[in-house]
Amino acid sequence: MAAYIIATIEVTDPEKFEVYRGQVPATIEKHGGRYLARGGDVTVVEGDQPTRRTVILEFDSLEKANGWYYSDDYAGPKELRIASTISNVMIVEGV
């Protein structure tokens, strides 16, 4: 069953974030993930969610999604993201 990583991101340090953006795609691909959405315009149609950069990743399973998020491959880039953004990240199992 597929799993999705959904992140909303407010960039606070654009230079560090650009370094992150250069490093992370290879780690996602290595773990079998792919981008479904990466940035782009956001329109909030209900609720009070701030319009932030939104990223949606798809993995073949919850195990693979967790495997990527907690991997040594993503550890360094994740530190850069944490240092350069205000982020909300969740892993959601598909149906």
N, C-alpha and C. Protein backbone atom coordinates (compact mmCIF):
# COMPACT_ATOMS: atom_id res chain seq x y z
N MET A 1 0.85 -1.17 0.00
CA MET A 1 0.00 0.00 0.00
C MET A 1 0.90 1.24 0.00
N ALA A 2 0.60 2.19 -0.87
CA ALA A 2 1.41 3.41 -0.98
C ALA A 2 1.36 4.22 0.31
N ALA A 3 2.37 5.06 0.47
CA ALA A 3 2.42 6.00 1.59
C ALA A 3 2.92 7.33 1.04
N TYR A 4 2.52 8.39 1.71
CA TYR A 4 2.82 9.73 1.24
C TYR A 4 3.47 10.55 2.34
N ILE A 5 4.44 11.32 1.96
CA ILE A 5 5.01 12.30 2.88
C ILE A 5 4.52 13.65 2.40
N ILE A 6 3.88 14.38 3.30
CA ILE A 6 3.32 15.69 2.97
C ILE A 6 3.99 16.71 3.87
N ALA A 7 4.56 17.72 3.25
CA ALA A 7 5.26 18.75 4.01
C ALA A 7 4.79 20.13 3.57
N THR A 8 4.58 21.01 4.54
CA THR A 8 4.37 22.42 4.26
C THR A 8 5.57 23.15 4.83
N ILE A 9 6.13 24.02 4.03
CA ILE A 9 7.43 24.60 4.36
C ILE A 9 7.42 26.11 4.16
N GLU A 10 7.90 26.82 5.17
CA GLU A 10 8.16 28.25 5.06
C GLU A 10 9.67 28.42 5.10
N VAL A 11 10.23 28.89 4.03
CA VAL A 11 11.68 29.05 3.92
C VAL A 11 12.11 30.28 4.71
N THR A 12 13.07 30.09 5.63
CA THR A 12 13.58 31.20 6.44
C THR A 12 15.03 31.55 6.08
N ASP A 13 15.74 30.64 5.41
CA ASP A 13 17.11 30.88 4.96
C ASP A 13 17.22 30.34 3.54
N PRO A 14 16.94 31.19 2.53
CA PRO A 14 16.92 30.73 1.15
C PRO A 14 18.23 30.10 0.67
N GLU A 15 19.36 30.61 1.12
CA GLU A 15 20.65 30.04 0.67
C GLU A 15 20.83 28.61 1.15
N LYS A 16 20.59 28.36 2.43
CA LYS A 16 20.68 27.00 2.96
C LYS A 16 19.64 26.08 2.31
N PHE A 17 18.45 26.63 2.08
CA PHE A 17 17.39 25.82 1.50
C PHE A 17 17.76 25.39 0.07
N GLU A 18 18.43 26.24 -0.66
CA GLU A 18 18.86 25.87 -2.02
C GLU A 18 19.86 24.72 -1.98
N VAL A 19 20.73 24.71 -0.98
CA VAL A 19 21.65 23.59 -0.82
C VAL A 19 20.85 22.31 -0.56
N TYR A 20 19.87 22.40 0.33
CA TYR A 20 18.99 21.27 0.62
C TYR A 20 18.32 20.77 -0.66
N ARG A 21 17.74 21.67 -1.43
CA ARG A 21 17.03 21.28 -2.66
C ARG A 21 17.95 20.57 -3.64
N GLY A 22 19.22 20.90 -3.62
CA GLY A 22 20.16 20.23 -4.49
C GLY A 22 20.52 18.82 -4.03
N GLN A 23 20.39 18.56 -2.75
CA GLN A 23 20.80 17.27 -2.19
C GLN A 23 19.68 16.25 -2.07
N VAL A 24 18.47 16.69 -1.85
CA VAL A 24 17.41 15.76 -1.46
C VAL A 24 16.85 14.88 -2.58
N PRO A 25 16.73 15.33 -3.83
CA PRO A 25 16.11 14.46 -4.84
C PRO A 25 16.78 13.10 -5.00
N ALA A 26 18.08 13.04 -4.97
CA ALA A 26 18.79 11.76 -5.12
C ALA A 26 18.47 10.81 -3.97
N THR A 27 18.26 11.35 -2.77
CA THR A 27 17.94 10.48 -1.63
C THR A 27 16.54 9.91 -1.77
N ILE A 28 15.62 10.72 -2.27
CA ILE A 28 14.25 10.24 -2.49
C ILE A 28 14.24 9.13 -3.53
N GLU A 29 14.92 9.38 -4.64
CA GLU A 29 14.98 8.38 -5.72
C GLU A 29 15.63 7.08 -5.24
N LYS A 30 16.69 7.20 -4.47
CA LYS A 30 17.39 6.02 -3.97
C LYS A 30 16.47 5.13 -3.14
N HIS A 31 15.51 5.72 -2.46
CA HIS A 31 14.60 4.97 -1.60
C HIS A 31 13.27 4.65 -2.29
N GLY A 32 13.23 4.86 -3.60
CA GLY A 32 12.05 4.48 -4.37
C GLY A 32 10.90 5.47 -4.33
N GLY A 33 11.17 6.68 -3.90
CA GLY A 33 10.12 7.69 -3.82
C GLY A 33 10.08 8.56 -5.06
N ARG A 34 9.00 9.31 -5.17
CA ARG A 34 8.89 10.27 -6.27
C ARG A 34 8.04 11.46 -5.83
N TYR A 35 8.33 12.59 -6.46
CA TYR A 35 7.56 13.80 -6.18
C TYR A 35 6.20 13.73 -6.86
N LEU A 36 5.14 14.08 -6.14
CA LEU A 36 3.83 14.30 -6.73
C LEU A 36 3.55 15.79 -6.84
N ALA A 37 4.06 16.55 -5.87
CA ALA A 37 3.95 18.02 -5.89
C ALA A 37 5.23 18.55 -5.25
N ARG A 38 5.73 19.64 -5.83
CA ARG A 38 6.97 20.22 -5.30
C ARG A 38 6.90 21.73 -5.49
N GLY A 39 6.43 22.41 -4.46
CA GLY A 39 6.28 23.85 -4.58
C GLY A 39 5.03 24.17 -5.37
N GLY A 40 5.09 25.16 -6.20
CA GLY A 40 3.93 25.54 -6.99
C GLY A 40 2.96 26.40 -6.19
N ASP A 41 1.99 26.93 -6.90
CA ASP A 41 1.01 27.81 -6.26
C ASP A 41 0.09 27.01 -5.33
N VAL A 42 -0.28 27.62 -4.23
CA VAL A 42 -1.18 27.01 -3.25
C VAL A 42 -2.36 27.95 -3.06
N THR A 43 -3.56 27.40 -3.12
CA THR A 43 -4.77 28.16 -2.83
C THR A 43 -5.50 27.44 -1.70
N VAL A 44 -5.63 28.10 -0.57
CA VAL A 44 -6.36 27.53 0.56
C VAL A 44 -7.84 27.79 0.31
N VAL A 45 -8.63 26.71 0.24
CA VAL A 45 -10.06 26.87 -0.02
C VAL A 45 -10.91 26.65 1.23
N GLU A 46 -10.32 26.07 2.28
CA GLU A 46 -11.01 25.93 3.56
C GLU A 46 -9.97 26.01 4.67
N GLY A 47 -10.38 26.53 5.81
CA GLY A 47 -9.50 26.57 6.98
C GLY A 47 -8.56 27.75 6.95
N ASP A 48 -7.59 27.71 7.86
CA ASP A 48 -6.68 28.84 8.03
C ASP A 48 -5.22 28.44 7.82
N GLN A 49 -5.00 27.40 7.03
CA GLN A 49 -3.64 26.97 6.71
C GLN A 49 -2.91 28.09 5.97
N PRO A 50 -1.75 28.50 6.44
CA PRO A 50 -1.00 29.52 5.70
C PRO A 50 -0.55 28.95 4.35
N THR A 51 -0.47 29.82 3.36
CA THR A 51 -0.02 29.38 2.04
C THR A 51 1.49 29.26 2.05
N ARG A 52 1.96 28.05 2.21
CA ARG A 52 3.39 27.75 2.25
C ARG A 52 3.73 26.84 1.09
N ARG A 53 5.01 26.68 0.86
CA ARG A 53 5.48 25.71 -0.11
C ARG A 53 4.98 24.33 0.35
N THR A 54 4.39 23.57 -0.56
CA THR A 54 3.87 22.25 -0.23
C THR A 54 4.57 21.20 -1.08
N VAL A 55 4.99 20.13 -0.43
CA VAL A 55 5.66 19.02 -1.11
C VAL A 55 4.92 17.74 -0.76
N ILE A 56 4.63 16.92 -1.78
CA ILE A 56 4.02 15.61 -1.57
C ILE A 56 4.89 14.58 -2.26
N LEU A 57 5.34 13.60 -1.48
CA LEU A 57 6.15 12.50 -2.00
C LEU A 57 5.35 11.21 -1.91
N GLU A 58 5.56 10.31 -2.86
CA GLU A 58 4.91 9.01 -2.82
C GLU A 58 5.96 7.91 -2.75
N PHE A 59 5.72 6.95 -1.88
CA PHE A 59 6.56 5.76 -1.75
C PHE A 59 5.65 4.54 -1.88
N ASP A 60 6.23 3.41 -2.23
CA ASP A 60 5.46 2.18 -2.41
C ASP A 60 4.81 1.67 -1.14
N SER A 61 5.37 2.04 0.02
CA SER A 61 4.85 1.52 1.29
C SER A 61 5.21 2.47 2.42
N LEU A 62 4.52 2.27 3.54
CA LEU A 62 4.82 3.03 4.75
C LEU A 62 6.25 2.73 5.20
N GLU A 63 6.65 1.48 5.08
CA GLU A 63 8.01 1.09 5.46
C GLU A 63 9.05 1.86 4.63
N LYS A 64 8.83 2.00 3.33
CA LYS A 64 9.79 2.73 2.49
C LYS A 64 9.79 4.23 2.79
N ALA A 65 8.62 4.79 3.07
CA ALA A 65 8.55 6.21 3.41
C ALA A 65 9.31 6.48 4.71
N ASN A 66 9.05 5.67 5.72
CA ASN A 66 9.78 5.81 6.98
C ASN A 66 11.26 5.52 6.79
N GLY A 67 11.56 4.53 5.96
CA GLY A 67 12.95 4.20 5.68
C GLY A 67 13.72 5.37 5.11
N TRP A 68 13.09 6.12 4.19
CA TRP A 68 13.75 7.30 3.62
C TRP A 68 13.88 8.39 4.68
N TYR A 69 12.77 8.72 5.37
CA TYR A 69 12.78 9.84 6.30
C TYR A 69 13.82 9.66 7.41
N TYR A 70 13.98 8.43 7.89
CA TYR A 70 14.91 8.17 8.99
C TYR A 70 16.26 7.63 8.52
N SER A 71 16.52 7.68 7.22
CA SER A 71 17.75 7.11 6.67
C SER A 71 18.97 8.00 6.92
N ASP A 72 20.13 7.37 6.87
CA ASP A 72 21.39 8.13 6.90
C ASP A 72 21.51 9.00 5.66
N ASP A 73 20.94 8.53 4.53
CA ASP A 73 21.00 9.30 3.28
C ASP A 73 20.32 10.66 3.42
N TYR A 74 19.22 10.70 4.16
CA TYR A 74 18.46 11.94 4.31
C TYR A 74 18.86 12.73 5.55
N ALA A 75 19.64 12.17 6.43
CA ALA A 75 19.97 12.84 7.70
C ALA A 75 20.61 14.22 7.49
N GLY A 76 21.61 14.29 6.63
CA GLY A 76 22.28 15.57 6.38
C GLY A 76 21.37 16.60 5.74
N PRO A 77 20.70 16.23 4.63
CA PRO A 77 19.76 17.18 4.04
C PRO A 77 18.65 17.59 5.00
N LYS A 78 18.15 16.64 5.81
CA LYS A 78 17.09 16.96 6.76
C LYS A 78 17.56 18.04 7.74
N GLU A 79 18.79 17.94 8.20
CA GLU A 79 19.33 18.97 9.10
C GLU A 79 19.32 20.34 8.42
N LEU A 80 19.68 20.37 7.12
CA LEU A 80 19.64 21.64 6.38
C LEU A 80 18.22 22.18 6.29
N ARG A 81 17.26 21.30 6.02
CA ARG A 81 15.86 21.75 5.93
C ARG A 81 15.39 22.29 7.26
N ILE A 82 15.68 21.59 8.32
CA ILE A 82 15.26 22.04 9.65
C ILE A 82 15.89 23.39 9.99
N ALA A 83 17.15 23.58 9.59
CA ALA A 83 17.85 24.83 9.88
C ALA A 83 17.40 26.00 8.99
N SER A 84 16.75 25.69 7.85
CA SER A 84 16.44 26.75 6.90
C SER A 84 14.95 26.97 6.67
N THR A 85 14.11 26.28 7.45
CA THR A 85 12.67 26.40 7.24
C THR A 85 11.90 26.28 8.55
N ILE A 86 10.65 26.61 8.48
CA ILE A 86 9.66 26.20 9.48
C ILE A 86 8.81 25.18 8.73
N SER A 87 8.84 23.94 9.18
CA SER A 87 8.21 22.85 8.43
C SER A 87 7.20 22.08 9.26
N ASN A 88 6.20 21.60 8.59
CA ASN A 88 5.27 20.59 9.12
C ASN A 88 5.37 19.41 8.18
N VAL A 89 5.67 18.22 8.71
CA VAL A 89 5.86 17.04 7.88
C VAL A 89 5.05 15.90 8.48
N MET A 90 4.35 15.17 7.62
CA MET A 90 3.61 14.00 8.09
C MET A 90 3.77 12.88 7.08
N ILE A 91 3.70 11.66 7.58
CA ILE A 91 3.72 10.46 6.74
C ILE A 91 2.34 9.85 6.85
N VAL A 92 1.69 9.63 5.70
CA VAL A 92 0.31 9.17 5.65
C VAL A 92 0.25 7.89 4.83
N GLU A 93 -0.36 6.85 5.40
CA GLU A 93 -0.56 5.61 4.66
C GLU A 93 -1.73 5.79 3.70
N GLY A 94 -1.56 5.32 2.47
CA GLY A 94 -2.62 5.41 1.47
C GLY A 94 -3.68 4.35 1.68
N VAL A 95 -4.63 4.31 0.75
CA VAL A 95 -5.70 3.33 0.82
C VAL A 95 -5.56 2.32 -0.31
